[in-house]
Amino acid sequence: MRDDGVLTTIDIEPEHLRLARQAFAEAGIGPSRTRLISGRAQEVLTRLADASYDLVFIDADPIDQPDYVAEGVRLLRSGGVIVVHRAALGGRAGDPGARDAEVIAVREAARLIAEDERLTPALVPLGDGVLAAVRD
């Protein structure tokens, strides 16, 4: 993280935010370097400034990935990276016979990234799959 960087995290669970605050404090990361937002990501993301983030990490229900990808790309600065966790659903996303709602949503999120000319993507076969893309 840059010297003037601030880590922003969004979670609806107060306990998750409390644990994050505690972990940051134990790691010596002061409150001026973190911004913990309580709320639903769908509502919070739309209020964040365009092109103001170096990294957007999406760890959400697969059904919601397309919406988060669209917002995440909007938030990225040039040179920023978007990372989508569970991007392959343990291989199900690549199975032509799989057509459940999660698979359809994950494929849509991947399509949004693949078709965005501002992004250079890479799929990492790690766990349930990690899709990362750098914004030009």
N, C-alpha and C. Protein backbone atom coordinates (compact mmCIF):
# COMPACT_ATOMS: atom_id res chain seq x y z
N MET A 1 0.84 -1.17 0.00
CA MET A 1 0.00 0.00 0.00
C MET A 1 0.90 1.24 0.00
N ARG A 2 0.48 2.24 -0.76
CA ARG A 2 1.23 3.49 -0.80
C ARG A 2 1.30 4.11 0.59
N ASP A 3 2.29 4.99 0.78
CA ASP A 3 2.45 5.64 2.08
C ASP A 3 1.21 6.42 2.50
N ASP A 4 0.49 6.96 1.53
CA ASP A 4 -0.71 7.72 1.85
C ASP A 4 -1.98 6.91 1.61
N GLY A 5 -1.82 5.61 1.37
CA GLY A 5 -2.95 4.75 1.07
C GLY A 5 -3.84 4.48 2.27
N VAL A 6 -5.09 4.23 1.97
CA VAL A 6 -6.08 3.89 2.99
C VAL A 6 -6.79 2.61 2.54
N LEU A 7 -6.88 1.64 3.42
CA LEU A 7 -7.57 0.40 3.13
C LEU A 7 -9.04 0.58 3.51
N THR A 8 -9.92 0.36 2.55
CA THR A 8 -11.36 0.46 2.78
C THR A 8 -11.95 -0.94 2.76
N THR A 9 -12.73 -1.26 3.76
CA THR A 9 -13.42 -2.55 3.79
C THR A 9 -14.89 -2.30 4.09
N ILE A 10 -15.73 -3.11 3.46
CA ILE A 10 -17.18 -2.98 3.63
C ILE A 10 -17.70 -4.31 4.14
N ASP A 11 -18.48 -4.28 5.20
CA ASP A 11 -19.08 -5.50 5.72
C ASP A 11 -20.37 -5.15 6.44
N ILE A 12 -21.35 -6.00 6.29
CA ILE A 12 -22.63 -5.77 6.96
C ILE A 12 -22.61 -6.31 8.38
N GLU A 13 -21.67 -7.20 8.69
CA GLU A 13 -21.59 -7.83 10.01
C GLU A 13 -20.74 -7.01 10.96
N PRO A 14 -21.31 -6.45 12.03
CA PRO A 14 -20.53 -5.67 12.99
C PRO A 14 -19.37 -6.45 13.60
N GLU A 15 -19.57 -7.74 13.82
CA GLU A 15 -18.50 -8.55 14.41
C GLU A 15 -17.30 -8.65 13.47
N HIS A 16 -17.55 -8.77 12.18
CA HIS A 16 -16.46 -8.82 11.20
C HIS A 16 -15.67 -7.51 11.23
N LEU A 17 -16.37 -6.40 11.32
CA LEU A 17 -15.70 -5.10 11.37
C LEU A 17 -14.90 -4.95 12.66
N ARG A 18 -15.45 -5.43 13.78
CA ARG A 18 -14.73 -5.37 15.05
C ARG A 18 -13.44 -6.19 14.97
N LEU A 19 -13.53 -7.39 14.41
CA LEU A 19 -12.35 -8.24 14.27
C LEU A 19 -11.33 -7.62 13.32
N ALA A 20 -11.79 -7.00 12.25
CA ALA A 20 -10.88 -6.32 11.32
C ALA A 20 -10.17 -5.18 12.02
N ARG A 21 -10.91 -4.37 12.76
CA ARG A 21 -10.33 -3.24 13.50
C ARG A 21 -9.26 -3.74 14.47
N GLN A 22 -9.58 -4.83 15.16
CA GLN A 22 -8.64 -5.43 16.12
C GLN A 22 -7.39 -5.95 15.40
N ALA A 23 -7.57 -6.62 14.28
CA ALA A 23 -6.43 -7.16 13.52
C ALA A 23 -5.54 -6.03 13.00
N PHE A 24 -6.15 -4.96 12.51
CA PHE A 24 -5.36 -3.83 12.03
C PHE A 24 -4.56 -3.21 13.18
N ALA A 25 -5.18 -3.06 14.33
CA ALA A 25 -4.50 -2.48 15.49
C ALA A 25 -3.33 -3.36 15.92
N GLU A 26 -3.55 -4.67 15.96
CA GLU A 26 -2.49 -5.60 16.35
C GLU A 26 -1.35 -5.60 15.35
N ALA A 27 -1.65 -5.30 14.09
CA ALA A 27 -0.61 -5.24 13.05
C ALA A 27 0.07 -3.88 12.99
N GLY A 28 -0.36 -2.97 13.85
CA GLY A 28 0.25 -1.64 13.86
C GLY A 28 -0.27 -0.71 12.78
N ILE A 29 -1.42 -1.05 12.21
CA ILE A 29 -2.02 -0.21 11.17
C ILE A 29 -3.03 0.70 11.87
N GLY A 30 -2.72 1.97 11.91
CA GLY A 30 -3.54 2.93 12.64
C GLY A 30 -4.87 3.23 11.97
N PRO A 31 -5.79 3.81 12.72
CA PRO A 31 -7.12 4.11 12.18
C PRO A 31 -7.10 5.11 11.03
N SER A 32 -6.05 5.91 10.91
CA SER A 32 -5.97 6.85 9.79
C SER A 32 -5.65 6.14 8.47
N ARG A 33 -5.24 4.87 8.55
CA ARG A 33 -4.90 4.10 7.35
C ARG A 33 -6.01 3.13 6.96
N THR A 34 -7.08 3.08 7.75
CA THR A 34 -8.18 2.17 7.46
C THR A 34 -9.51 2.91 7.47
N ARG A 35 -10.41 2.41 6.67
CA ARG A 35 -11.77 2.95 6.60
C ARG A 35 -12.71 1.75 6.60
N LEU A 36 -13.36 1.50 7.72
CA LEU A 36 -14.26 0.37 7.85
C LEU A 36 -15.69 0.87 7.74
N ILE A 37 -16.39 0.39 6.73
CA ILE A 37 -17.74 0.86 6.45
C ILE A 37 -18.73 -0.26 6.76
N SER A 38 -19.69 0.05 7.60
CA SER A 38 -20.75 -0.89 7.93
C SER A 38 -21.90 -0.69 6.95
N GLY A 39 -22.26 -1.76 6.26
CA GLY A 39 -23.37 -1.64 5.33
C GLY A 39 -23.33 -2.73 4.28
N ARG A 40 -24.36 -2.73 3.46
CA ARG A 40 -24.44 -3.68 2.35
C ARG A 40 -23.60 -3.14 1.20
N ALA A 41 -22.74 -3.97 0.67
CA ALA A 41 -21.83 -3.53 -0.39
C ALA A 41 -22.59 -2.94 -1.57
N GLN A 42 -23.74 -3.53 -1.92
CA GLN A 42 -24.52 -3.03 -3.05
C GLN A 42 -24.89 -1.56 -2.87
N GLU A 43 -25.13 -1.15 -1.63
CA GLU A 43 -25.52 0.23 -1.35
C GLU A 43 -24.32 1.15 -1.17
N VAL A 44 -23.25 0.62 -0.59
CA VAL A 44 -22.07 1.44 -0.30
C VAL A 44 -21.24 1.72 -1.55
N LEU A 45 -21.03 0.71 -2.38
CA LEU A 45 -20.15 0.86 -3.54
C LEU A 45 -20.57 2.01 -4.45
N THR A 46 -21.84 2.19 -4.63
CA THR A 46 -22.32 3.25 -5.53
C THR A 46 -21.98 4.64 -5.02
N ARG A 47 -21.66 4.77 -3.73
CA ARG A 47 -21.34 6.08 -3.15
C ARG A 47 -19.84 6.37 -3.14
N LEU A 48 -19.02 5.40 -3.54
CA LEU A 48 -17.57 5.61 -3.55
C LEU A 48 -17.15 6.29 -4.85
N ALA A 49 -16.07 7.05 -4.77
CA ALA A 49 -15.62 7.88 -5.90
C ALA A 49 -15.01 7.06 -7.03
N ASP A 50 -15.34 7.45 -8.25
CA ASP A 50 -14.77 6.82 -9.45
C ASP A 50 -13.25 6.94 -9.43
N ALA A 51 -12.59 5.92 -10.00
CA ALA A 51 -11.14 5.93 -10.24
C ALA A 51 -10.34 6.35 -9.01
N SER A 52 -10.71 5.83 -7.84
CA SER A 52 -10.03 6.24 -6.61
C SER A 52 -9.39 5.09 -5.85
N TYR A 53 -9.38 3.89 -6.42
CA TYR A 53 -8.84 2.73 -5.72
C TYR A 53 -7.78 2.03 -6.56
N ASP A 54 -6.75 1.55 -5.87
CA ASP A 54 -5.67 0.80 -6.53
C ASP A 54 -5.98 -0.69 -6.60
N LEU A 55 -6.78 -1.17 -5.66
CA LEU A 55 -7.12 -2.59 -5.60
C LEU A 55 -8.56 -2.73 -5.15
N VAL A 56 -9.30 -3.55 -5.88
CA VAL A 56 -10.66 -3.90 -5.48
C VAL A 56 -10.69 -5.43 -5.40
N PHE A 57 -10.98 -5.94 -4.20
CA PHE A 57 -11.05 -7.39 -3.98
C PHE A 57 -12.50 -7.75 -3.75
N ILE A 58 -13.01 -8.65 -4.58
CA ILE A 58 -14.41 -9.06 -4.49
C ILE A 58 -14.48 -10.46 -3.93
N ASP A 59 -15.03 -10.57 -2.73
CA ASP A 59 -15.24 -11.85 -2.07
C ASP A 59 -16.70 -11.86 -1.63
N ALA A 60 -17.56 -12.20 -2.56
CA ALA A 60 -19.00 -12.10 -2.32
C ALA A 60 -19.70 -13.34 -2.85
N ASP A 61 -20.98 -13.42 -2.57
CA ASP A 61 -21.77 -14.51 -3.14
C ASP A 61 -21.62 -14.46 -4.66
N PRO A 62 -21.39 -15.61 -5.28
CA PRO A 62 -21.22 -15.63 -6.74
C PRO A 62 -22.36 -14.96 -7.50
N ILE A 63 -23.57 -15.06 -7.00
CA ILE A 63 -24.73 -14.45 -7.66
C ILE A 63 -24.53 -12.95 -7.85
N ASP A 64 -23.85 -12.32 -6.91
CA ASP A 64 -23.68 -10.86 -6.93
C ASP A 64 -22.43 -10.40 -7.69
N GLN A 65 -21.61 -11.32 -8.16
CA GLN A 65 -20.35 -10.94 -8.80
C GLN A 65 -20.50 -9.97 -9.97
N PRO A 66 -21.44 -10.15 -10.88
CA PRO A 66 -21.52 -9.20 -11.99
C PRO A 66 -21.71 -7.75 -11.54
N ASP A 67 -22.58 -7.53 -10.57
CA ASP A 67 -22.80 -6.17 -10.08
C ASP A 67 -21.54 -5.61 -9.42
N TYR A 68 -20.87 -6.44 -8.63
CA TYR A 68 -19.65 -5.99 -7.95
C TYR A 68 -18.52 -5.73 -8.94
N VAL A 69 -18.43 -6.54 -9.98
CA VAL A 69 -17.40 -6.31 -11.00
C VAL A 69 -17.64 -4.97 -11.69
N ALA A 70 -18.88 -4.70 -12.06
CA ALA A 70 -19.18 -3.42 -12.73
C ALA A 70 -18.80 -2.24 -11.84
N GLU A 71 -19.15 -2.30 -10.56
CA GLU A 71 -18.80 -1.23 -9.63
C GLU A 71 -17.29 -1.20 -9.40
N GLY A 72 -16.68 -2.37 -9.26
CA GLY A 72 -15.25 -2.44 -8.99
C GLY A 72 -14.41 -1.83 -10.10
N VAL A 73 -14.77 -2.09 -11.34
CA VAL A 73 -14.03 -1.52 -12.47
C VAL A 73 -14.17 0.00 -12.46
N ARG A 74 -15.34 0.49 -12.14
CA ARG A 74 -15.57 1.93 -12.06
C ARG A 74 -14.68 2.57 -11.00
N LEU A 75 -14.43 1.86 -9.92
CA LEU A 75 -13.65 2.41 -8.81
C LEU A 75 -12.14 2.40 -9.06
N LEU A 76 -11.67 1.58 -10.01
CA LEU A 76 -10.23 1.41 -10.23
C LEU A 76 -9.57 2.60 -10.89
N ARG A 77 -8.41 2.95 -10.35
CA ARG A 77 -7.52 3.91 -11.02
C ARG A 77 -6.81 3.20 -12.16
N SER A 78 -6.22 3.95 -13.05
CA SER A 78 -5.35 3.37 -14.07
C SER A 78 -4.20 2.66 -13.35
N GLY A 79 -3.93 1.44 -13.76
CA GLY A 79 -2.90 0.64 -13.10
C GLY A 79 -3.43 -0.16 -11.93
N GLY A 80 -4.69 0.06 -11.56
CA GLY A 80 -5.31 -0.67 -10.46
C GLY A 80 -5.68 -2.09 -10.86
N VAL A 81 -5.92 -2.91 -9.85
CA VAL A 81 -6.21 -4.33 -10.07
C VAL A 81 -7.55 -4.69 -9.42
N ILE A 82 -8.36 -5.41 -10.16
CA ILE A 82 -9.57 -5.99 -9.60
C ILE A 82 -9.32 -7.49 -9.45
N VAL A 83 -9.69 -8.04 -8.30
CA VAL A 83 -9.49 -9.45 -8.00
C VAL A 83 -10.84 -10.04 -7.60
N VAL A 84 -11.23 -11.12 -8.27
CA VAL A 84 -12.50 -11.78 -7.99
C VAL A 84 -12.21 -13.16 -7.43
N HIS A 85 -12.62 -13.39 -6.19
CA HIS A 85 -12.46 -14.68 -5.53
C HIS A 85 -13.63 -15.58 -5.93
N ARG A 86 -13.40 -16.87 -6.03
CA ARG A 86 -14.40 -17.87 -6.43
C ARG A 86 -14.81 -17.69 -7.89
N ALA A 87 -13.86 -17.32 -8.72
CA ALA A 87 -14.15 -17.01 -10.12
C ALA A 87 -14.36 -18.25 -10.99
N ALA A 88 -14.00 -19.43 -10.48
CA ALA A 88 -14.19 -20.65 -11.26
C ALA A 88 -15.12 -21.64 -10.57
N LEU A 89 -15.53 -21.30 -9.36
CA LEU A 89 -16.41 -22.18 -8.57
C LEU A 89 -15.89 -23.61 -8.54
N GLY A 90 -14.61 -23.76 -8.30
CA GLY A 90 -14.01 -25.09 -8.21
C GLY A 90 -14.10 -25.86 -9.51
N GLY A 91 -14.15 -25.16 -10.64
CA GLY A 91 -14.21 -25.80 -11.95
C GLY A 91 -15.61 -25.83 -12.55
N ARG A 92 -16.64 -25.58 -11.76
CA ARG A 92 -18.01 -25.62 -12.28
C ARG A 92 -18.26 -24.57 -13.36
N ALA A 93 -17.61 -23.41 -13.24
CA ALA A 93 -17.84 -22.34 -14.22
C ALA A 93 -17.37 -22.74 -15.61
N GLY A 94 -16.42 -23.65 -15.69
CA GLY A 94 -15.93 -24.11 -16.98
C GLY A 94 -16.62 -25.34 -17.52
N ASP A 95 -17.55 -25.88 -16.76
CA ASP A 95 -18.28 -27.08 -17.16
C ASP A 95 -19.47 -26.67 -18.03
N PRO A 96 -19.46 -27.03 -19.33
CA PRO A 96 -20.54 -26.62 -20.22
C PRO A 96 -21.91 -27.12 -19.77
N GLY A 97 -21.95 -28.19 -19.00
CA GLY A 97 -23.22 -28.74 -18.54
C GLY A 97 -23.78 -28.04 -17.32
N ALA A 98 -22.96 -27.24 -16.64
CA ALA A 98 -23.41 -26.54 -15.44
C ALA A 98 -24.14 -25.27 -15.86
N ARG A 99 -25.38 -25.13 -15.40
CA ARG A 99 -26.18 -23.97 -15.80
C ARG A 99 -26.99 -23.39 -14.64
N ASP A 100 -26.54 -23.64 -13.42
CA ASP A 100 -27.28 -23.08 -12.28
C ASP A 100 -27.00 -21.59 -12.16
N ALA A 101 -27.74 -20.92 -11.30
CA ALA A 101 -27.68 -19.46 -11.19
C ALA A 101 -26.28 -18.96 -10.81
N GLU A 102 -25.59 -19.67 -9.90
CA GLU A 102 -24.24 -19.24 -9.52
C GLU A 102 -23.29 -19.29 -10.70
N VAL A 103 -23.33 -20.38 -11.45
CA VAL A 103 -22.45 -20.54 -12.60
C VAL A 103 -22.73 -19.45 -13.64
N ILE A 104 -23.99 -19.20 -13.91
CA ILE A 104 -24.36 -18.17 -14.89
C ILE A 104 -23.84 -16.81 -14.45
N ALA A 105 -23.97 -16.49 -13.16
CA ALA A 105 -23.50 -15.20 -12.65
C ALA A 105 -21.98 -15.08 -12.73
N VAL A 106 -21.27 -16.14 -12.37
CA VAL A 106 -19.81 -16.11 -12.41
C VAL A 106 -19.32 -15.97 -13.85
N ARG A 107 -19.97 -16.65 -14.77
CA ARG A 107 -19.60 -16.51 -16.18
C ARG A 107 -19.85 -15.08 -16.67
N GLU A 108 -20.94 -14.48 -16.22
CA GLU A 108 -21.25 -13.10 -16.61
C GLU A 108 -20.19 -12.14 -16.07
N ALA A 109 -19.76 -12.34 -14.83
CA ALA A 109 -18.71 -11.49 -14.25
C ALA A 109 -17.42 -11.63 -15.06
N ALA A 110 -17.08 -12.86 -15.41
CA ALA A 110 -15.87 -13.09 -16.21
C ALA A 110 -16.00 -12.45 -17.59
N ARG A 111 -17.20 -12.53 -18.18
CA ARG A 111 -17.43 -11.92 -19.49
C ARG A 111 -17.26 -10.40 -19.42
N LEU A 112 -17.79 -9.79 -18.37
CA LEU A 112 -17.65 -8.35 -18.20
C LEU A 112 -16.18 -7.94 -18.17
N ILE A 113 -15.38 -8.71 -17.48
CA ILE A 113 -13.95 -8.41 -17.39
C ILE A 113 -13.27 -8.67 -18.73
N ALA A 114 -13.56 -9.82 -19.34
CA ALA A 114 -12.91 -10.19 -20.59
C ALA A 114 -13.22 -9.22 -21.73
N GLU A 115 -14.43 -8.67 -21.74
CA GLU A 115 -14.83 -7.79 -22.84
C GLU A 115 -14.52 -6.32 -22.60
N ASP A 116 -14.02 -5.99 -21.42
CA ASP A 116 -13.68 -4.60 -21.12
C ASP A 116 -12.28 -4.31 -21.65
N GLU A 117 -12.19 -3.48 -22.69
CA GLU A 117 -10.90 -3.21 -23.34
C GLU A 117 -9.90 -2.51 -22.44
N ARG A 118 -10.36 -1.96 -21.33
CA ARG A 118 -9.45 -1.28 -20.39
C ARG A 118 -8.75 -2.26 -19.47
N LEU A 119 -9.16 -3.53 -19.49
CA LEU A 119 -8.65 -4.52 -18.55
C LEU A 119 -7.80 -5.58 -19.23
N THR A 120 -6.76 -6.03 -18.52
CA THR A 120 -5.94 -7.16 -18.94
C THR A 120 -6.11 -8.24 -17.88
N PRO A 121 -6.89 -9.30 -18.18
CA PRO A 121 -7.22 -10.29 -17.16
C PRO A 121 -6.31 -11.51 -17.16
N ALA A 122 -6.32 -12.21 -16.01
CA ALA A 122 -5.64 -13.50 -15.87
C ALA A 122 -6.44 -14.33 -14.87
N LEU A 123 -6.72 -15.58 -15.22
CA LEU A 123 -7.40 -16.49 -14.32
C LEU A 123 -6.35 -17.37 -13.66
N VAL A 124 -6.35 -17.39 -12.34
CA VAL A 124 -5.38 -18.17 -11.58
C VAL A 124 -6.10 -19.39 -11.02
N PRO A 125 -5.64 -20.61 -11.38
CA PRO A 125 -6.32 -21.82 -10.90
C PRO A 125 -5.93 -22.15 -9.46
N LEU A 126 -6.40 -21.33 -8.55
CA LEU A 126 -6.08 -21.46 -7.14
C LEU A 126 -7.39 -21.60 -6.37
N GLY A 127 -7.56 -22.67 -5.62
CA GLY A 127 -8.81 -22.88 -4.88
C GLY A 127 -10.00 -22.90 -5.80
N ASP A 128 -10.97 -22.04 -5.53
CA ASP A 128 -12.17 -21.93 -6.37
C ASP A 128 -11.97 -21.01 -7.56
N GLY A 129 -10.72 -20.62 -7.79
CA GLY A 129 -10.39 -19.74 -8.91
C GLY A 129 -10.29 -18.29 -8.50
N VAL A 130 -9.27 -17.62 -8.99
CA VAL A 130 -9.06 -16.20 -8.74
C VAL A 130 -8.91 -15.53 -10.10
N LEU A 131 -9.75 -14.56 -10.37
CA LEU A 131 -9.67 -13.79 -11.61
C LEU A 131 -9.14 -12.41 -11.26
N ALA A 132 -8.02 -12.06 -11.85
CA ALA A 132 -7.41 -10.75 -11.60
C ALA A 132 -7.29 -10.02 -12.93
N ALA A 133 -7.47 -8.71 -12.89
CA ALA A 133 -7.34 -7.90 -14.10
C ALA A 133 -6.77 -6.54 -13.74
N VAL A 134 -5.84 -6.08 -14.56
CA VAL A 134 -5.22 -4.77 -14.39
C VAL A 134 -5.93 -3.79 -15.31
N ARG A 135 -6.22 -2.62 -14.78
CA ARG A 135 -6.84 -1.58 -15.61
C ARG A 135 -5.76 -0.73 -16.26
N ASP A 136 -5.87 -0.54 -17.58
CA ASP A 136 -4.91 0.29 -18.32
C ASP A 136 -5.02 1.73 -17.89
